[in-house]
Amino acid sequence: MDRANKLIGLEERFGSHNYLPLPVVISKGKGAYVWDVKGRRYVDMLSAYSALNQGHNHPAIVAAMKRQLERVALTSRAFHNDRLGPFLERLCGVCGMDRALPMNSGAEAVETAIKAMRLWGYTKKGVAAGRAEIIVAEGNFHGRTTTIVGFSSDPGSREGFGPATPGFKTVPYGDASALAAAIGPDTAGVLLEPIQGEAGVRIPPPGYLTAVSEACRKAKVLLCFDEIQTGLGRTGRMFCWQHEGCKPDMMTLGKALSGGLYPVSALVGSDEVLGLFTPGTHGSTFGGNPLACAVGTAALDVIEDERLVERSAELGVYFLERLGGLRHPRIKEVRGLGLLCALEFREPIAKAFCKALMARGILAKDTHGTTVRFAPPLVVTKLQLEQAFETVRDALKEF
């Protein structure tokens, strides 16, 4: 048995089978490339679901992490540390928000947003105790906690984990009128992905985010955009909502806030909302630790210093045009924004297609059977994207 199969076998034997990865064992990464244990190189077209916008092992973020590791990594929030304040200031400046509440994972950031919207509903809007409601969209993916999967419409995420947490109302994604009609006196907030990534890069119709924002403002309801996957440059703007200029009351952030090196997430928002938390009402042992703050600050610096937002916009147009030129009877649609693109088939062959890409040196991820998602690191070059496109075109010949 070779080393790769042995390592896969160890995962199968001792790990819970909650993932079904492609049969490749990665041992090294740099920029947009990864290498397997046999030394074969691949172009990473997933970026750990957009956690690697800055690329694998970006030297500036690695250096910042090493420097901090030599000083102090964890203090807990029982004490102040010298990295938290500057990080919060930097993050709020990038987001144009008043306050930030740091956490570790994207799901934690979403759970924090849920608590914040409910707290605001009770203390500011006057919703009766225990009746606060949050509106979400069909096809959403906000994480894997029991509360979050309870309002998921994906059976694989939801079934077997009930009973669902009450207090959520689901409306069709992309239908602003349906969302506005669902708002009631107990509605505290609306939680939406500007683009639904896990659902297959579902892009709402133009004007949808603006219409939702206006409906929330008129009804005095909080709007929270989940920018964990779409934020920090992925769609060709720092945040996806900026394509329509409809600033929310809050955003959840994660993934690329870590530079792919250490879990960092946050809820950012207005004073009116995040100012409601008081000591003891929310917390996290690791949230806001010095190491996370050093990594998060460096991750933001790289995005701005290397103009990754602009790169995403420019290269995204190029790659989407190349994919859009493909002509194949099994292709249903090509769509995307920035460097978040999708190739959708008419039938459930996406997993097989990803295996065909892997055999040719491209790593991508299927979703919902019919869709292949392409989200390379924003440091990817035009040449690497052209090579990826040629590989996609070549792999289609098998189908």
Protein backbone atom coordinates (compact mmCIF):
# COMPACT_ATOMS: atom_id res chain seq x y z
CA MET A 1 0.00 0.00 0.00
CA ASP A 2 1.41 3.41 -0.97
CA ARG A 3 1.62 6.30 1.50
CA ALA A 4 -1.43 8.16 0.15
CA ASN A 5 -3.71 5.15 0.48
CA LYS A 6 -2.34 4.40 3.92
CA LEU A 7 -3.08 7.94 5.11
CA ILE A 8 -6.58 7.83 3.62
CA GLY A 9 -7.09 4.48 5.32
CA LEU A 10 -6.16 5.95 8.70
CA GLU A 11 -8.75 8.69 8.24
CA GLU A 12 -11.37 6.13 7.29
CA ARG A 13 -10.54 3.89 10.25
CA PHE A 14 -10.24 6.49 13.02
CA GLY A 15 -12.26 9.46 11.78
CA SER A 16 -15.97 10.09 11.66
CA HIS A 17 -17.23 9.79 8.08
CA ASN A 18 -18.75 13.25 7.84
CA TYR A 19 -16.81 14.14 4.66
CA LEU A 20 -16.25 12.44 1.33
CA PRO A 21 -13.09 14.10 -0.03
CA LEU A 22 -11.45 13.53 -3.37
CA PRO A 23 -8.75 10.82 -3.14
CA VAL A 24 -5.81 13.23 -2.97
CA VAL A 25 -3.57 13.74 0.09
CA ILE A 26 -2.09 17.24 0.21
CA SER A 27 1.16 17.79 2.05
CA LYS A 28 2.34 21.24 0.91
CA GLY A 29 0.92 24.50 -0.39
CA LYS A 30 2.22 27.79 -1.74
CA GLY A 31 0.23 30.54 -3.42
CA ALA A 32 -2.34 28.96 -5.72
CA TYR A 33 -0.55 25.59 -5.81
CA VAL A 34 -0.67 22.52 -3.58
CA TRP A 35 1.38 19.32 -3.74
CA ASP A 36 0.33 15.82 -2.75
CA VAL A 37 2.42 13.30 -0.82
CA LYS A 38 3.77 11.95 -4.11
CA GLY A 39 5.05 15.38 -5.09
CA ARG A 40 2.46 16.05 -7.79
CA ARG A 41 1.42 19.69 -8.15
CA TYR A 42 -2.17 20.93 -8.47
CA VAL A 43 -3.84 24.29 -8.93
CA ASP A 44 -6.17 24.83 -5.96
CA MET A 45 -9.48 26.06 -7.38
CA LEU A 46 -11.37 25.86 -4.07
CA SER A 47 -9.20 27.88 -1.64
CA ALA A 48 -10.64 26.00 1.34
CA TYR A 49 -14.06 27.48 0.53
CA SER A 50 -12.53 30.97 0.21
CA ALA A 51 -10.47 30.83 3.42
CA LEU A 52 -7.32 31.13 1.31
CA ASN A 53 -7.98 34.33 -0.61
CA GLN A 54 -4.37 35.34 0.14
CA GLY A 55 -3.08 31.96 -1.08
CA HIS A 56 -1.44 29.12 0.78
CA ASN A 57 1.16 30.08 3.39
CA HIS A 58 1.40 33.73 2.43
CA PRO A 59 4.86 34.77 3.70
CA ALA A 60 3.68 38.01 5.32
CA ILE A 61 0.94 36.27 7.29
CA VAL A 62 3.23 33.38 8.22
CA ALA A 63 5.84 35.88 9.47
CA ALA A 64 3.24 37.74 11.55
CA MET A 65 2.09 34.47 13.05
CA LYS A 66 5.63 33.38 13.89
CA ARG A 67 6.41 36.72 15.54
CA GLN A 68 3.32 36.49 17.71
CA LEU A 69 3.95 32.84 18.60
CA GLU A 70 7.25 33.90 20.13
CA ARG A 71 5.47 36.39 22.39
CA VAL A 72 2.05 35.17 23.59
CA ALA A 73 -0.73 33.22 21.89
CA LEU A 74 -3.61 33.19 24.36
CA THR A 75 -4.61 35.33 27.32
CA SER A 76 -8.41 34.82 27.41
CA ARG A 77 -10.68 37.83 27.64
CA ALA A 78 -10.27 37.85 31.42
CA PHE A 79 -7.35 40.18 30.67
CA HIS A 80 -6.53 42.73 27.98
CA ASN A 81 -3.91 41.93 25.36
CA ASP A 82 -1.87 44.30 23.22
CA ARG A 83 -3.14 42.98 19.88
CA LEU A 84 -6.91 43.04 20.26
CA GLY A 85 -7.56 46.79 20.25
CA PRO A 86 -5.50 47.53 17.12
CA PHE A 87 -7.07 44.55 15.31
CA LEU A 88 -10.60 45.67 16.13
CA GLU A 89 -9.80 49.20 14.94
CA ARG A 90 -8.33 47.87 11.70
CA LEU A 91 -11.26 45.52 11.07
CA CYS A 92 -13.89 48.19 11.76
CA GLY A 93 -12.04 50.55 9.43
CA VAL A 94 -12.06 48.03 6.59
CA CYS A 95 -15.74 47.21 7.17
CA GLY A 96 -16.95 50.74 7.82
CA MET A 97 -18.56 49.56 11.06
CA ASP A 98 -18.56 50.87 14.64
CA ARG A 99 -17.74 47.70 16.56
CA ALA A 100 -16.52 44.15 16.10
CA LEU A 101 -16.96 41.04 18.22
CA PRO A 102 -14.25 38.46 17.47
CA MET A 103 -14.88 34.73 17.44
CA ASN A 104 -13.15 31.68 15.95
CA SER A 105 -15.32 30.04 13.30
CA GLY A 106 -17.86 31.29 10.79
CA ALA A 107 -20.62 29.37 12.53
CA GLU A 108 -19.73 31.10 15.81
CA ALA A 109 -19.99 34.46 14.07
CA VAL A 110 -23.46 33.54 12.78
CA GLU A 111 -24.57 32.33 16.20
CA THR A 112 -23.34 35.65 17.60
CA ALA A 113 -25.36 37.51 14.96
CA ILE A 114 -28.49 35.56 15.91
CA LYS A 115 -28.01 36.47 19.56
CA ALA A 116 -27.37 40.12 18.66
CA MET A 117 -30.51 40.39 16.53
CA ARG A 118 -32.65 38.80 19.23
CA LEU A 119 -31.15 41.02 21.92
CA TRP A 120 -31.83 44.11 19.82
CA GLY A 121 -35.37 42.92 19.11
CA TYR A 122 -36.15 42.64 22.80
CA THR A 123 -34.34 45.70 24.12
CA LYS A 124 -34.75 48.16 21.25
CA LYS A 125 -37.73 47.11 19.13
CA GLY A 126 -39.87 45.94 22.01
CA VAL A 127 -40.56 42.39 20.84
CA ALA A 128 -42.25 40.35 23.57
CA ALA A 129 -39.94 37.97 25.43
CA GLY A 130 -39.36 34.69 23.63
CA ARG A 131 -41.04 35.79 20.38
CA ALA A 132 -38.18 37.30 18.33
CA GLU A 133 -38.11 36.02 14.75
CA ILE A 134 -35.35 36.00 12.15
CA ILE A 135 -36.01 35.63 8.42
CA VAL A 136 -33.66 33.44 6.38
CA ALA A 137 -33.62 32.23 2.77
CA GLU A 138 -34.16 28.83 1.22
CA GLY A 139 -30.90 27.23 0.13
CA ASN A 140 -28.93 28.98 2.86
CA PHE A 141 -25.73 27.67 4.36
CA HIS A 142 -24.63 29.50 7.51
CA GLY A 143 -22.84 26.72 9.39
CA ARG A 144 -23.31 23.39 11.16
CA THR A 145 -24.46 24.16 14.70
CA THR A 146 -27.78 22.73 15.84
CA THR A 147 -29.51 26.11 15.67
CA ILE A 148 -28.20 26.88 12.19
CA VAL A 149 -28.99 23.50 10.63
CA GLY A 150 -32.47 23.77 12.10
CA PHE A 151 -33.32 26.51 9.59
CA SER A 152 -31.44 24.90 6.69
CA SER A 153 -33.45 23.63 3.72
CA ASP A 154 -30.78 21.06 2.87
CA PRO A 155 -31.98 17.64 4.11
CA GLY A 156 -28.41 16.39 4.47
CA SER A 157 -27.61 19.19 6.89
CA ARG A 158 -30.89 19.13 8.80
CA GLU A 159 -32.35 15.64 9.02
CA GLY A 160 -31.52 13.63 12.12
CA PHE A 161 -30.55 16.69 14.18
CA GLY A 162 -33.96 17.96 15.33
CA PRO A 163 -35.89 19.33 17.01
CA ALA A 164 -35.23 22.57 15.18
CA THR A 165 -34.70 25.73 17.18
CA PRO A 166 -37.79 27.93 16.86
CA GLY A 167 -37.76 31.57 15.86
CA PHE A 168 -36.89 31.39 12.16
CA LYS A 169 -38.99 31.97 9.05
CA THR A 170 -37.78 30.83 5.60
CA VAL A 171 -38.55 32.65 2.35
CA PRO A 172 -37.47 32.00 -1.27
CA TYR A 173 -34.01 33.31 -2.10
CA GLY A 174 -33.97 36.13 -4.61
CA ASP A 175 -37.60 37.16 -4.02
CA ALA A 176 -37.56 40.51 -2.26
CA SER A 177 -41.35 40.80 -2.29
CA ALA A 178 -41.75 37.50 -0.46
CA LEU A 179 -39.21 38.59 2.12
CA ALA A 180 -40.92 41.95 2.67
CA ALA A 181 -44.28 40.20 3.04
CA ALA A 182 -42.82 37.85 5.68
CA ILE A 183 -41.75 40.69 7.97
CA GLY A 184 -44.04 40.94 10.98
CA PRO A 185 -44.17 42.75 14.32
CA ASP A 186 -41.92 40.11 15.94
CA THR A 187 -39.28 40.18 13.19
CA ALA A 188 -35.96 41.24 14.68
CA GLY A 189 -33.67 40.60 11.73
CA VAL A 190 -32.96 39.19 8.32
CA LEU A 191 -29.95 36.93 7.72
CA LEU A 192 -28.84 36.44 4.10
CA GLU A 193 -25.87 35.42 1.98
CA PRO A 194 -25.36 38.01 -0.80
CA ILE A 195 -24.47 35.01 -3.00
CA GLN A 196 -25.31 31.51 -1.84
CA GLY A 197 -21.98 29.72 -2.20
CA GLU A 198 -22.67 26.26 -0.84
CA ALA A 199 -25.96 26.15 -2.73
CA GLY A 200 -23.98 26.31 -5.97
CA VAL A 201 -23.01 29.98 -6.37
CA ARG A 202 -26.63 31.14 -6.60
CA ILE A 203 -26.60 34.80 -7.57
CA PRO A 204 -29.79 36.76 -6.83
CA PRO A 205 -31.36 39.02 -9.47
CA PRO A 206 -30.04 42.60 -9.76
CA GLY A 207 -31.57 44.90 -7.19
CA TYR A 208 -32.50 42.11 -4.78
CA LEU A 209 -30.10 43.13 -2.01
CA THR A 210 -31.14 46.78 -2.36
CA ALA A 211 -34.85 45.90 -2.19
CA VAL A 212 -34.26 43.73 0.88
CA SER A 213 -32.29 46.53 2.53
CA GLU A 214 -35.09 49.03 1.88
CA ALA A 215 -37.73 46.63 3.22
CA CYS A 216 -35.74 46.12 6.41
CA ARG A 217 -35.22 49.83 6.90
CA LYS A 218 -38.91 50.63 6.41
CA ALA A 219 -39.98 47.91 8.84
CA LYS A 220 -37.26 48.75 11.39
CA VAL A 221 -35.68 45.32 11.10
CA LEU A 222 -31.96 44.53 11.29
CA LEU A 223 -30.19 43.29 8.16
CA CYS A 224 -27.19 40.98 8.52
CA PHE A 225 -25.25 39.80 5.49
CA ASP A 226 -23.26 36.60 5.85
CA GLU A 227 -20.04 37.59 4.05
CA ILE A 228 -18.01 34.67 5.40
CA GLN A 229 -17.49 33.22 1.93
CA THR A 230 -18.24 36.22 -0.29
CA GLY A 231 -16.37 38.87 1.69
CA LEU A 232 -12.81 40.15 1.72
CA GLY A 233 -12.40 40.42 -2.03
CA ARG A 234 -13.87 37.17 -3.31
CA THR A 235 -16.49 38.74 -5.62
CA GLY A 236 -14.42 41.66 -6.91
CA ARG A 237 -15.40 44.05 -4.12
CA MET A 238 -14.20 44.03 -0.53
CA PHE A 239 -17.73 42.91 0.40
CA CYS A 240 -20.34 41.52 -1.94
CA TRP A 241 -23.06 43.96 -0.82
CA GLN A 242 -20.94 46.79 -2.24
CA HIS A 243 -21.97 45.76 -5.76
CA GLU A 244 -25.34 47.32 -4.92
CA GLY A 245 -24.27 49.79 -2.25
CA CYS A 246 -26.73 48.54 0.36
CA LYS A 247 -24.79 48.57 3.62
CA PRO A 248 -26.22 46.19 6.25
CA ASP A 249 -26.50 46.73 9.98
CA MET A 250 -24.15 43.79 10.57
CA MET A 251 -21.87 41.37 8.73
CA THR A 252 -20.47 38.00 9.69
CA LEU A 253 -16.89 37.43 8.58
CA GLY A 254 -14.52 34.48 8.73
CA LYS A 255 -12.56 32.26 6.34
CA ALA A 256 -10.17 34.71 4.59
CA LEU A 257 -9.97 36.80 7.76
CA SER A 258 -7.63 34.03 8.88
CA GLY A 259 -5.40 34.05 5.81
CA GLY A 260 -5.91 30.29 5.93
CA LEU A 261 -3.54 29.92 8.89
CA TYR A 262 -5.58 30.14 12.08
CA PRO A 263 -9.34 30.30 12.75
CA VAL A 264 -10.50 33.92 12.96
CA SER A 265 -14.06 35.19 12.61
CA ALA A 266 -16.05 38.20 13.70
CA LEU A 267 -19.42 39.88 13.82
CA VAL A 268 -19.12 43.54 12.84
CA GLY A 269 -21.89 46.08 13.15
CA SER A 270 -23.29 49.29 14.49
CA ASP A 271 -23.07 50.70 18.00
CA GLU A 272 -26.83 50.37 18.30
CA VAL A 273 -26.59 46.58 18.06
CA LEU A 274 -23.17 45.43 19.25
CA GLY A 275 -23.23 48.01 22.03
CA LEU A 276 -26.01 46.00 23.67
CA PHE A 277 -23.73 43.18 24.81
CA THR A 278 -22.61 43.58 28.41
CA PRO A 279 -20.04 41.60 30.42
CA GLY A 280 -21.15 38.01 30.80
CA THR A 281 -23.75 38.02 28.00
CA HIS A 282 -21.45 36.51 25.37
CA GLY A 283 -17.90 35.23 25.13
CA SER A 284 -15.32 32.78 23.87
CA THR A 285 -12.13 31.44 25.43
CA PHE A 286 -10.15 31.83 22.21
CA GLY A 287 -12.09 34.68 20.61
CA GLY A 288 -9.88 37.75 20.17
CA ASN A 289 -6.71 36.00 21.30
CA PRO A 290 -3.40 37.71 20.44
CA LEU A 291 -2.39 35.13 17.84
CA ALA A 292 -5.72 35.45 16.02
CA CYS A 293 -5.46 39.23 16.09
CA ALA A 294 -1.95 39.20 14.64
CA VAL A 295 -3.00 36.80 11.89
CA GLY A 296 -6.21 38.72 11.14
CA THR A 297 -4.40 42.04 10.91
CA ALA A 298 -1.80 40.60 8.52
CA ALA A 299 -4.54 38.95 6.45
CA LEU A 300 -6.29 42.31 5.99
CA ASP A 301 -2.97 44.01 5.17
CA VAL A 302 -2.23 41.52 2.39
CA ILE A 303 -5.66 42.00 0.81
CA GLU A 304 -5.15 45.74 0.64
CA ASP A 305 -1.40 45.90 -0.03
CA GLU A 306 -1.55 43.42 -2.91
CA ARG A 307 -4.80 44.84 -4.31
CA LEU A 308 -6.46 41.43 -4.22
CA VAL A 309 -9.93 42.94 -4.55
CA GLU A 310 -8.98 44.51 -7.86
CA ARG A 311 -7.29 41.29 -8.99
CA SER A 312 -10.44 39.35 -8.22
CA ALA A 313 -12.57 41.74 -10.26
CA GLU A 314 -10.24 41.71 -13.26
CA LEU A 315 -9.38 38.03 -13.32
CA GLY A 316 -12.94 37.05 -12.49
CA VAL A 317 -14.22 38.71 -15.66
CA TYR A 318 -11.53 36.95 -17.68
CA PHE A 319 -12.15 33.49 -16.23
CA LEU A 320 -15.92 33.77 -16.42
CA GLU A 321 -15.71 34.80 -20.08
CA ARG A 322 -13.52 31.77 -20.81
CA LEU A 323 -15.90 29.40 -19.05
CA GLY A 324 -18.88 31.06 -20.68
CA GLY A 325 -17.44 30.27 -24.09
CA LEU A 326 -17.62 26.51 -23.48
CA ARG A 327 -20.12 24.68 -25.65
CA HIS A 328 -21.17 21.28 -24.39
CA PRO A 329 -24.58 19.56 -24.34
CA ARG A 330 -24.29 18.67 -20.65
CA ILE A 331 -23.55 22.22 -19.48
CA LYS A 332 -26.65 23.95 -18.18
CA GLU A 333 -25.15 27.26 -17.05
CA VAL A 334 -21.96 29.12 -16.19
CA ARG A 335 -22.27 31.90 -13.61
CA GLY A 336 -20.18 33.84 -11.18
CA LEU A 337 -18.99 37.14 -9.78
CA GLY A 338 -15.35 37.97 -9.25
CA LEU A 339 -13.44 34.76 -8.59
CA LEU A 340 -16.49 32.88 -7.32
CA CYS A 341 -17.67 30.90 -10.33
CA ALA A 342 -19.80 27.85 -11.01
CA LEU A 343 -20.22 25.38 -13.85
CA GLU A 344 -23.61 23.67 -13.62
CA PHE A 345 -24.42 20.45 -15.45
CA ARG A 346 -27.85 19.21 -16.50
CA GLU A 347 -27.31 15.96 -14.63
CA PRO A 348 -25.49 14.87 -11.44
CA ILE A 349 -22.01 14.32 -12.87
CA ALA A 350 -20.17 17.06 -10.95
CA LYS A 351 -18.33 14.67 -8.62
CA ALA A 352 -17.07 12.59 -11.53
CA PHE A 353 -16.04 15.75 -13.33
CA CYS A 354 -14.03 16.92 -10.29
CA LYS A 355 -12.23 13.57 -10.30
CA ALA A 356 -11.42 14.07 -13.97
CA LEU A 357 -10.03 17.52 -13.15
CA MET A 358 -7.99 16.08 -10.29
CA ALA A 359 -6.41 13.55 -12.63
CA ARG A 360 -5.31 16.52 -14.75
CA GLY A 361 -3.90 18.63 -11.90
CA ILE A 362 -6.87 20.82 -10.92
CA LEU A 363 -8.61 20.58 -7.54
CA ALA A 364 -12.23 21.77 -7.45
CA LYS A 365 -15.34 20.92 -5.44
CA ASP A 366 -18.73 19.64 -6.49
CA THR A 367 -21.90 20.71 -4.74
CA HIS A 368 -25.43 19.32 -4.89
CA GLY A 369 -24.45 16.78 -7.52
CA THR A 370 -24.72 19.05 -10.54
CA THR A 371 -22.45 22.02 -9.86
CA VAL A 372 -18.69 22.51 -9.79
CA ARG A 373 -17.50 25.55 -7.85
CA PHE A 374 -14.34 27.42 -8.89
CA ALA A 375 -12.89 29.78 -6.27
CA PRO A 376 -9.09 29.99 -6.60
CA PRO A 377 -6.90 32.06 -4.28
CA LEU A 378 -7.04 35.71 -5.29
CA VAL A 379 -3.27 35.61 -5.82
CA VAL A 380 -3.82 33.26 -8.78
CA THR A 381 -2.24 34.40 -12.03
CA LYS A 382 -3.87 34.82 -15.40
CA LEU A 383 -1.66 32.02 -16.74
CA GLN A 384 -2.80 29.67 -13.98
CA LEU A 385 -6.42 30.49 -14.74
CA GLU A 386 -5.84 29.84 -18.44
CA GLN A 387 -4.28 26.49 -17.59
CA ALA A 388 -7.29 25.70 -15.39
CA PHE A 389 -9.67 26.62 -18.19
CA GLU A 390 -7.82 24.44 -20.71
CA THR A 391 -7.97 21.57 -18.21
CA VAL A 392 -11.73 22.05 -17.80
CA ARG A 393 -12.16 22.07 -21.57
CA ASP A 394 -10.05 18.94 -21.92
CA ALA A 395 -11.87 17.10 -19.11
CA LEU A 396 -15.23 17.79 -20.75
CA LYS A 397 -14.21 15.47 -23.58
CA GLU A 398 -14.68 12.54 -21.19
CA PHE A 399 -18.33 13.52 -20.76
